[in-house]
C-alpha atoms as a PDB file:
ATOM      1  CA  MET A   1     -13.595  41.480  33.425  1.00  0.00           C
ATOM      2  CA  ARG A   2     -11.274  40.342  30.717  1.00  0.00           C
ATOM      3  CA  THR A   3     -10.255  37.152  32.937  1.00  0.00           C
ATOM      4  CA  LEU A   4     -14.066  36.556  32.858  1.00  0.00           C
ATOM      5  CA  VAL A   5     -14.554  37.013  29.535  1.00  0.00           C
ATOM      6  CA  VAL A   6     -11.829  34.280  28.646  1.00  0.00           C
ATOM      7  CA  CYS A   7     -13.156  31.973  31.486  1.00  0.00           C
ATOM      8  CA  ALA A   8     -16.505  32.287  29.436  1.00  0.00           C
ATOM      9  CA  LEU A   9     -15.124  31.621  25.852  1.00  0.00           C
ATOM     10  CA  LEU A  10     -13.011  28.399  27.505  1.00  0.00           C
ATOM     11  CA  LEU A  11     -16.470  26.517  28.882  1.00  0.00           C
ATOM     12  CA  ALA A  12     -18.304  27.797  25.827  1.00  0.00           C
ATOM     13  CA  ALA A  13     -15.566  25.937  23.845  1.00  0.00           C
ATOM     14  CA  PRO A  14     -16.302  22.455  22.767  1.00  0.00           C
ATOM     15  CA  ALA A  15     -14.360  19.766  24.440  1.00  0.00           C
ATOM     16  CA  VAL A  16     -12.091  17.853  22.428  1.00  0.00           C
ATOM     17  CA  ARG A  17     -13.644  13.908  22.656  1.00  0.00           C
ATOM     18  CA  ALA A  18     -11.116  10.887  22.354  1.00  0.00           C
ATOM     19  CA  ALA A  19     -11.614   7.373  22.372  1.00  0.00           C
ATOM     20  CA  ASP A  20     -10.110   5.512  26.031  1.00  0.00           C
ATOM     21  CA  LEU A  21      -7.049   3.627  24.524  1.00  0.00           C
ATOM     22  CA  PRO A  22      -6.262   0.963  27.233  1.00  0.00           C
ATOM     23  CA  PRO A  23      -2.143   0.049  28.442  1.00  0.00           C
ATOM     24  CA  ALA A  24      -0.497  -1.629  26.029  1.00  0.00           C
ATOM     25  CA  PRO A  25      -1.656  -5.559  25.784  1.00  0.00           C
ATOM     26  CA  ASN A  26       1.242  -8.092  26.873  1.00  0.00           C
ATOM     27  CA  GLY A  27       0.239 -10.189  23.739  1.00  0.00           C
ATOM     28  CA  VAL A  28      -1.721  -9.382  20.601  1.00  0.00           C
ATOM     29  CA  VAL A  29      -4.860  -8.409  21.946  1.00  0.00           C
ATOM     30  CA  ALA A  30      -6.219  -5.789  23.663  1.00  0.00           C
ATOM     31  CA  ASP A  31     -10.519  -6.792  23.840  1.00  0.00           C
ATOM     32  CA  VAL A  32     -11.846  -3.513  25.279  1.00  0.00           C
ATOM     33  CA  ALA A  33     -15.168  -4.186  23.778  1.00  0.00           C
ATOM     34  CA  HIS A  34     -15.147  -8.201  24.881  1.00  0.00           C
ATOM     35  CA  LEU A  35     -15.599  -9.944  21.872  1.00  0.00           C
ATOM     36  CA  TYR A  36     -13.944 -12.771  21.874  1.00  0.00           C
ATOM     37  CA  SER A  37     -13.525 -15.594  24.265  1.00  0.00           C
ATOM     38  CA  PRO A  38     -10.297 -16.681  25.845  1.00  0.00           C
ATOM     39  CA  ASP A  39      -9.972 -19.890  23.378  1.00  0.00           C
ATOM     40  CA  GLU A  40     -10.506 -17.375  20.378  1.00  0.00           C
ATOM     41  CA  ARG A  41      -7.940 -14.554  22.119  1.00  0.00           C
ATOM     42  CA  ALA A  42      -5.310 -17.564  22.547  1.00  0.00           C
ATOM     43  CA  ALA A  43      -5.835 -18.482  18.483  1.00  0.00           C
ATOM     44  CA  PHE A  44      -4.980 -14.833  17.797  1.00  0.00           C
ATOM     45  CA  GLU A  45      -2.203 -14.869  20.149  1.00  0.00           C
ATOM     46  CA  ALA A  46      -0.889 -18.120  17.986  1.00  0.00           C
ATOM     47  CA  LEU A  47      -1.223 -16.445  15.139  1.00  0.00           C
ATOM     48  CA  GLY A  48       0.551 -13.149  16.113  1.00  0.00           C
ATOM     49  CA  ARG A  49       3.871 -15.127  17.399  1.00  0.00           C
ATOM     50  CA  GLN A  50       4.261 -16.913  14.083  1.00  0.00           C
ATOM     51  CA  ILE A  51       4.058 -13.854  12.172  1.00  0.00           C
ATOM     52  CA  LEU A  52       6.180 -12.081  14.503  1.00  0.00           C
ATOM     53  CA  ALA A  53       8.653 -15.375  14.180  1.00  0.00           C
ATOM     54  CA  ASP A  54       7.964 -15.614   9.982  1.00  0.00           C
ATOM     55  CA  GLN A  55       8.052 -11.901   8.892  1.00  0.00           C
ATOM     56  CA  LYS A  56       9.411  -9.987  11.662  1.00  0.00           C
ATOM     57  CA  VAL A  57       6.350  -8.236  12.184  1.00  0.00           C
ATOM     58  CA  VAL A  58       4.171  -7.188  15.310  1.00  0.00           C
ATOM     59  CA  LEU A  59       0.519  -7.657  15.362  1.00  0.00           C
ATOM     60  CA  ARG A  60      -2.324  -5.933  17.663  1.00  0.00           C
ATOM     61  CA  VAL A  61      -5.827  -6.216  17.683  1.00  0.00           C
ATOM     62  CA  LEU A  62      -7.913  -3.339  19.535  1.00  0.00           C
ATOM     63  CA  THR A  63     -11.469  -3.795  20.132  1.00  0.00           C
ATOM     64  CA  LEU A  64     -13.293  -0.508  21.870  1.00  0.00           C
ATOM     65  CA  PRO A  65     -17.092  -0.181  22.348  1.00  0.00           C
ATOM     66  CA  ASP A  66     -17.101   3.687  21.344  1.00  0.00           C
ATOM     67  CA  SER A  67     -15.048   5.849  19.390  1.00  0.00           C
ATOM     68  CA  LYS A  68     -16.115   8.660  21.735  1.00  0.00           C
ATOM     69  CA  GLY A  69     -16.395  10.845  18.360  1.00  0.00           C
ATOM     70  CA  GLU A  70     -12.551  10.157  17.460  1.00  0.00           C
ATOM     71  CA  ALA A  71     -11.442   9.270  13.408  1.00  0.00           C
ATOM     72  CA  PRO A  72     -10.686   5.526  13.464  1.00  0.00           C
ATOM     73  CA  LYS A  73      -7.018   6.307  11.632  1.00  0.00           C
ATOM     74  CA  ALA A  74      -6.433   8.870  14.197  1.00  0.00           C
ATOM     75  CA  ILE A  75      -7.329   6.162  16.945  1.00  0.00           C
ATOM     76  CA  ALA A  76      -5.076   3.622  15.465  1.00  0.00           C
ATOM     77  CA  VAL A  77      -2.317   5.574  15.216  1.00  0.00           C
ATOM     78  CA  ARG A  78      -2.654   7.238  18.313  1.00  0.00           C
ATOM     79  CA  THR A  79      -2.295   3.688  19.485  1.00  0.00           C
ATOM     80  CA  LEU A  80       0.769   2.353  17.563  1.00  0.00           C
ATOM     81  CA  ASN A  81       2.585   5.535  19.008  1.00  0.00           C
ATOM     82  CA  SER A  82       1.249   5.039  22.744  1.00  0.00           C
ATOM     83  CA  TRP A  83       2.154   1.386  22.631  1.00  0.00           C
ATOM     84  CA  LYS A  84       5.467   1.763  20.899  1.00  0.00           C
ATOM     85  CA  VAL A  85       5.263  -1.032  18.844  1.00  0.00           C
ATOM     86  CA  GLY A  86       7.894  -0.251  16.613  1.00  0.00           C
ATOM     87  CA  GLU A  87       7.872   0.654  12.363  1.00  0.00           C
ATOM     88  CA  ARG A  88       7.514  -3.300  11.659  1.00  0.00           C
ATOM     89  CA  SER A  89       3.544  -3.345  13.266  1.00  0.00           C
ATOM     90  CA  VAL A  90       0.322  -3.736  11.946  1.00  0.00           C
ATOM     91  CA  LEU A  91      -2.972  -2.574  14.170  1.00  0.00           C
ATOM     92  CA  LEU A  92      -6.375  -4.173  13.633  1.00  0.00           C
ATOM     93  CA  LEU A  93      -8.791  -1.572  14.693  1.00  0.00           C
ATOM     94  CA  VAL A  94     -12.717  -2.772  15.423  1.00  0.00           C
ATOM     95  CA  VAL A  95     -14.914  -0.043  16.705  1.00  0.00           C
ATOM     96  CA  MET A  96     -18.506  -1.048  17.746  1.00  0.00           C
ATOM     97  CA  ASN A  97     -20.159   2.308  18.030  1.00  0.00           C
ATOM     98  CA  PRO A  98     -19.837   3.672  15.620  1.00  0.00           C
ATOM     99  CA  ARG A  99     -19.141   0.705  13.306  1.00  0.00           C
ATOM    100  CA  ALA A 100     -15.927   0.872  11.823  1.00  0.00           C
ATOM    101  CA  LEU A 101     -12.897  -1.475  11.052  1.00  0.00           C
ATOM    102  CA  TYR A 102      -9.472   0.057  10.751  1.00  0.00           C
ATOM    103  CA  LEU A 103      -6.256  -1.325   9.369  1.00  0.00           C
ATOM    104  CA  GLN A 104      -3.229   0.942  10.275  1.00  0.00           C
ATOM    105  CA  PRO A 105       0.478  -0.610   9.554  1.00  0.00           C
ATOM    106  CA  GLY A 106       3.635   1.249  11.293  1.00  0.00           C
ATOM    107  CA  THR A 107       5.886   3.180   8.881  1.00  0.00           C
ATOM    108  CA  ALA A 108       7.494   0.464   7.114  1.00  0.00           C
ATOM    109  CA  LEU A 109       5.256  -1.267   6.104  1.00  0.00           C
ATOM    110  CA  SER A 110       3.121   1.979   4.997  1.00  0.00           C
ATOM    111  CA  SER A 111       3.739   0.743   1.111  1.00  0.00           C
ATOM    112  CA  ILE A 112       2.737  -2.914   1.647  1.00  0.00           C
ATOM    113  CA  PHE A 113      -0.521  -2.051   3.507  1.00  0.00           C
ATOM    114  CA  ASP A 114      -1.623   0.964   1.115  1.00  0.00           C
ATOM    115  CA  ALA A 115      -5.120   2.707   1.440  1.00  0.00           C
ATOM    116  CA  ARG A 116      -6.552   0.417  -1.291  1.00  0.00           C
ATOM    117  CA  THR A 117      -4.826  -2.896   0.590  1.00  0.00           C
ATOM    118  CA  SER A 118      -6.390  -2.474   3.933  1.00  0.00           C
ATOM    119  CA  ALA A 119      -9.396  -1.123   2.897  1.00  0.00           C
ATOM    120  CA  ALA A 120     -10.018  -4.476   1.077  1.00  0.00           C
ATOM    121  CA  ILE A 121      -8.965  -6.275   3.722  1.00  0.00           C
ATOM    122  CA  CYS A 122     -11.213  -4.532   6.180  1.00  0.00           C
ATOM    123  CA  GLU A 123     -14.121  -5.094   3.737  1.00  0.00           C
ATOM    124  CA  GLY A 124     -13.418  -8.900   3.908  1.00  0.00           C
ATOM    125  CA  MET A 125     -14.488  -8.614   7.349  1.00  0.00           C
ATOM    126  CA  ALA A 126     -17.746  -6.454   7.205  1.00  0.00           C
ATOM    127  CA  PRO A 127     -20.201  -9.471   6.235  1.00  0.00           C
ATOM    128  CA  GLN A 128     -19.060 -11.314   9.343  1.00  0.00           C
ATOM    129  CA  MET A 129     -19.192  -8.718  11.656  1.00  0.00           C
ATOM    130  CA  ARG A 130     -22.473  -7.933  10.475  1.00  0.00           C
ATOM    131  CA  SER A 131     -23.467 -11.489  11.475  1.00  0.00           C
ATOM    132  CA  LYS A 132     -21.916 -10.934  14.707  1.00  0.00           C
ATOM    133  CA  ALA A 133     -19.740 -13.620  14.002  1.00  0.00           C
ATOM    134  CA  PHE A 134     -16.934 -11.485  15.778  1.00  0.00           C
ATOM    135  CA  ALA A 135     -14.025 -13.894  15.650  1.00  0.00           C
ATOM    136  CA  ASP A 136     -14.714 -15.365  12.821  1.00  0.00           C
ATOM    137  CA  ALA A 137     -14.207 -11.776  11.462  1.00  0.00           C
ATOM    138  CA  ALA A 138     -11.032 -11.021  12.977  1.00  0.00           C
ATOM    139  CA  GLN A 139      -9.329 -14.273  11.727  1.00  0.00           C
ATOM    140  CA  THR A 140     -10.354 -13.110   8.064  1.00  0.00           C
ATOM    141  CA  GLY A 141      -8.406  -9.917   9.037  1.00  0.00           C
ATOM    142  CA  LEU A 142      -5.457 -11.280  10.391  1.00  0.00           C
ATOM    143  CA  TRP A 143      -4.914 -13.968   8.011  1.00  0.00           C
ATOM    144  CA  GLY A 144      -5.342 -11.078   5.249  1.00  0.00           C
ATOM    145  CA  ILE A 145      -2.493  -9.211   7.173  1.00  0.00           C
ATOM    146  CA  ARG A 146      -0.230 -12.243   7.287  1.00  0.00           C
ATOM    147  CA  ASN A 147      -1.328 -13.407   3.583  1.00  0.00           C
ATOM    148  CA  ARG A 148      -0.288  -9.671   2.452  1.00  0.00           C
ATOM    149  CA  LEU A 149       2.909  -9.606   4.557  1.00  0.00           C
ATOM    150  CA  ALA A 150       3.885 -12.948   2.977  1.00  0.00           C
ATOM    151  CA  ALA A 151       3.432 -11.748  -0.773  1.00  0.00           C
ATOM    152  CA  GLY A 152       4.709  -8.282   0.200  1.00  0.00           C
ATOM    153  CA  VAL A 153       8.256 -10.446   1.109  1.00  0.00           C
ATOM    154  CA  LYS A 154      11.278  -9.567  -1.341  1.00  0.00           C
ATOM    155  CA  PRO A 155      12.340 -13.226  -2.672  1.00  0.00           C
ATOM    156  CA  THR A 156      15.853 -14.233  -1.498  1.00  0.00           C
ATOM    157  CA  VAL A 157      18.400 -13.460  -4.459  1.00  0.00           C
ATOM    158  CA  ALA A 158      20.517 -16.463  -4.646  1.00  0.00           C
ATOM    159  CA  ALA A 159      24.213 -16.275  -5.307  1.00  0.00           C
ATOM    160  CA  ALA A 160      25.429 -15.580  -8.786  1.00  0.00           C
ATOM    161  CA  THR A 161      27.210 -18.318 -10.561  1.00  0.00           C
ATOM    162  CA  PRO A 162      30.222 -18.254 -12.718  1.00  0.00           C
ATOM    163  CA  PHE A 163      29.049 -18.399 -16.401  1.00  0.00           C
ATOM    164  CA  ARG A 164      31.239 -19.405 -19.074  1.00  0.00           C
ATOM    165  CA  GLN A 165      30.409 -18.586 -22.877  1.00  0.00           C
ATOM    166  CA  PRO A 166      30.326 -21.652 -24.942  1.00  0.00           C
ATOM    167  CA  GLU A 167      32.896 -22.381 -27.366  1.00  0.00           C
ATOM    168  CA  ASN A 168      30.730 -22.607 -30.377  1.00  0.00           C
ATOM    169  CA  VAL A 169      29.423 -19.427 -30.170  1.00  0.00           C
ATOM    170  CA  LEU A 170      32.192 -17.140 -30.140  1.00  0.00           C
ATOM    171  CA  TRP A 171      32.048 -16.440 -33.681  1.00  0.00           C
ATOM    172  CA  MET A 172      28.790 -14.777 -33.286  1.00  0.00           C
ATOM    173  CA  GLN A 173      30.508 -12.384 -30.539  1.00  0.00           C
ATOM    174  CA  PHE A 174      32.849 -11.536 -33.375  1.00  0.00           C
ATOM    175  CA  VAL A 175      29.974 -10.898 -35.868  1.00  0.00           C
ATOM    176  CA  PHE A 176      28.262  -8.488 -33.377  1.00  0.00           C
ATOM    177  CA  ASP A 177      30.985  -6.872 -32.114  1.00  0.00           C
ATOM    178  CA  LYS A 178      33.205  -6.598 -35.198  1.00  0.00           C
ATOM    179  CA  VAL A 179      31.678  -7.141 -38.618  1.00  0.00           C
ATOM    180  CA  ILE A 180      27.938  -5.628 -38.203  1.00  0.00           C
ATOM    181  CA  PRO A 181      29.510  -2.029 -36.654  1.00  0.00           C
ATOM    182  CA  GLY A 182      31.904  -2.173 -39.683  1.00  0.00           C
ATOM    183  CA  VAL A 183      29.146  -2.858 -42.077  1.00  0.00           C
ATOM    184  CA  ALA A 184      27.117  -0.221 -40.547  1.00  0.00           C
ATOM    185  CA  LEU A 185      29.768   2.546 -40.833  1.00  0.00           C
ATOM    186  CA  VAL A 186      30.119   2.123 -44.569  1.00  0.00           C
ATOM    187  CA  GLY A 187      26.180   1.566 -45.496  1.00  0.00           C
ATOM    188  CA  LEU A 188      24.255   3.735 -43.097  1.00  0.00           C
ATOM    189  CA  PRO A 189      25.722   7.102 -45.069  1.00  0.00           C
ATOM    190  CA  ILE A 190      25.241   5.448 -48.650  1.00  0.00           C
ATOM    191  CA  LEU A 191      21.584   4.961 -47.329  1.00  0.00           C
ATOM    192  CA  GLY A 192      21.153   8.238 -45.949  1.00  0.00           C
ATOM    193  CA  ILE A 193      22.522   9.586 -49.336  1.00  0.00           C
ATOM    194  CA  TYR A 194      20.164   7.398 -51.187  1.00  0.00           C
ATOM    195  CA  THR A 195      16.856   8.323 -48.957  1.00  0.00           C
ATOM    196  CA  PHE A 196      17.607  12.018 -49.367  1.00  0.00           C
ATOM    197  CA  TYR A 197      17.400  12.072 -52.994  1.00  0.00           C
ATOM    198  CA  LYS A 198      14.542   9.782 -52.941  1.00  0.00           C
ATOM    199  CA  LEU A 199      12.362  11.868 -51.024  1.00  0.00           C
ATOM    200  CA  ARG A 200      13.416  14.833 -53.130  1.00  0.00           C
ATOM    201  CA  ASN A 201      12.526  13.187 -56.176  1.00  0.00           C
ATOM    202  CA  ASP A 202       9.128  11.759 -55.108  1.00  0.00           C
ATOM    203  CA  GLY A 203       7.914  14.987 -53.241  1.00  0.00           C
ATOM    204  CA  GLY A 204       7.977  14.031 -49.553  1.00  0.00           C
ATOM    205  CA  PRO A 205       5.951  11.663 -47.496  1.00  0.00           C
ATOM    206  CA  SER A 206       2.157  11.502 -47.342  1.00  0.00           C
ATOM    207  CA  GLY A 207      -0.081  11.449 -44.611  1.00  0.00           C
ATOM    208  CA  THR A 208      -2.305  13.953 -42.437  1.00  0.00           C
ATOM    209  CA  SER A 209      -0.459  16.470 -39.990  1.00  0.00           C
ATOM    210  CA  GLY A 210      -2.047  16.578 -36.469  1.00  0.00           C
ATOM    211  CA  THR A 211      -2.911  12.900 -35.911  1.00  0.00           C
ATOM    212  CA  TRP A 212       0.113  12.237 -33.659  1.00  0.00           C
ATOM    213  CA  ASP A 213      -0.616  15.825 -31.714  1.00  0.00           C
ATOM    214  CA  SER A 214      -4.344  14.680 -31.396  1.00  0.00           C
ATOM    215  CA  TYR A 215      -3.074  11.309 -29.896  1.00  0.00           C
ATOM    216  CA  THR A 216      -0.683  12.603 -27.158  1.00  0.00           C
ATOM    217  CA  SER A 217      -2.977  15.249 -26.190  1.00  0.00           C
ATOM    218  CA  ASN A 218      -5.852  12.587 -25.399  1.00  0.00           C
ATOM    219  CA  ASP A 219      -3.377  10.495 -23.811  1.00  0.00           C
ATOM    220  CA  SER A 220      -2.179  13.120 -21.446  1.00  0.00           C
ATOM    221  CA  SER A 221      -5.986  14.309 -20.582  1.00  0.00           C
ATOM    222  CA  SER A 222      -6.429  10.910 -19.805  1.00  0.00           C
ATOM    223  CA  SER A 223      -3.091  10.302 -17.712  1.00  0.00           C
ATOM    224  CA  SER A 224      -4.463  13.498 -15.764  1.00  0.00           C
ATOM    225  CA  SER A 225      -7.660  12.222 -14.924  1.00  0.00           C
ATOM    226  CA  SER A 226      -6.554   8.685 -13.831  1.00  0.00           C
ATOM    227  CA  SER A 227      -3.686  10.463 -12.068  1.00  0.00           C
ATOM    228  CA  SER A 228      -6.530  12.675 -10.014  1.00  0.00           C
ATOM    229  CA  SER A 229      -8.693   9.833  -9.822  1.00  0.00           C
ATOM    230  CA  ASP A 230      -5.891   7.604  -8.069  1.00  0.00           C
ATOM    231  CA  THR A 231      -5.212  10.432  -6.064  1.00  0.00           C
ATOM    232  CA  SER A 232      -8.391  11.196  -4.753  1.00  0.00           C
ATOM    233  CA  SER A 233      -9.273   7.621  -3.345  1.00  0.00           C
ATOM    234  CA  SER A 234      -5.704   6.986  -1.723  1.00  0.00           C
ATOM    235  CA  SER A 235      -5.091   7.886   1.463  1.00  0.00           C
ATOM    236  CA  ASP A 236      -1.732   9.600   3.038  1.00  0.00           C
ATOM    237  CA  SER A 237       1.527   8.494   2.970  1.00  0.00           C
ATOM    238  CA  SER A 238       1.072   6.595   6.239  1.00  0.00           C
ATOM    239  CA  GLY A 239      -0.928   3.765   4.844  1.00  0.00           C
ATOM    240  CA  GLY A 240      -3.598   2.322   6.522  1.00  0.00           C
ATOM    241  CA  GLY A 241      -7.461   1.774   5.367  1.00  0.00           C
ATOM    242  CA  GLY A 242     -10.767   0.839   6.566  1.00  0.00           C
ATOM    243  CA  SER A 243     -14.471   0.815   6.194  1.00  0.00           C
ATOM    244  CA  SER A 244     -17.396   0.835   8.183  1.00  0.00           C
ATOM    245  CA  TRP A 245     -19.353  -2.568   8.823  1.00  0.00           C
END
């Protein structure tokens, strides 16, 4: 009887659905939804090779006809893990049903392609997707990725050259190192004593109390509100973001 109950519960439980992933492509594009012509795919492959050569980043594009109820981010993360393309990688996901675009970076690039940046690239593709200019939309997304990678690369630091202090400014170094500290050592105590007697005789400084506290309180609440807003609009630490089209 107990066995029959367990079997009945298993049959009644909703099946976990997930998108069908293709095997890892040999190149850049896995066009399961058949959106691109051979010439268009060749152009994407050339751009992917250029990005790999310039930035040492693996670029992949996946198009799917149906997500089968799986969230775009889950599909993208699962794809990168399944294809084993490495930490320096970026996946551009295009789903036809329901309409969705998602950009997921590998872990090494999550700070470059945060939620806001990734969503902006996808949103730039959306008008062309709605116009069924699928290849143009992909080009827009891939060039957005390329430009973001170029902007995110740290510049090469040039080798430091020896610096020689000009002879005509050595006396200034003597003034700042020797003369000014000596004057300050003698003059500051005298100034402090004068200020103390001056304030005591004049009755202290005037002004309205509480102004500084009021300012810091408002500033703190504003900062807290801003921080809360930023947190709610951002994705997790793995980066990535997208949009519908």
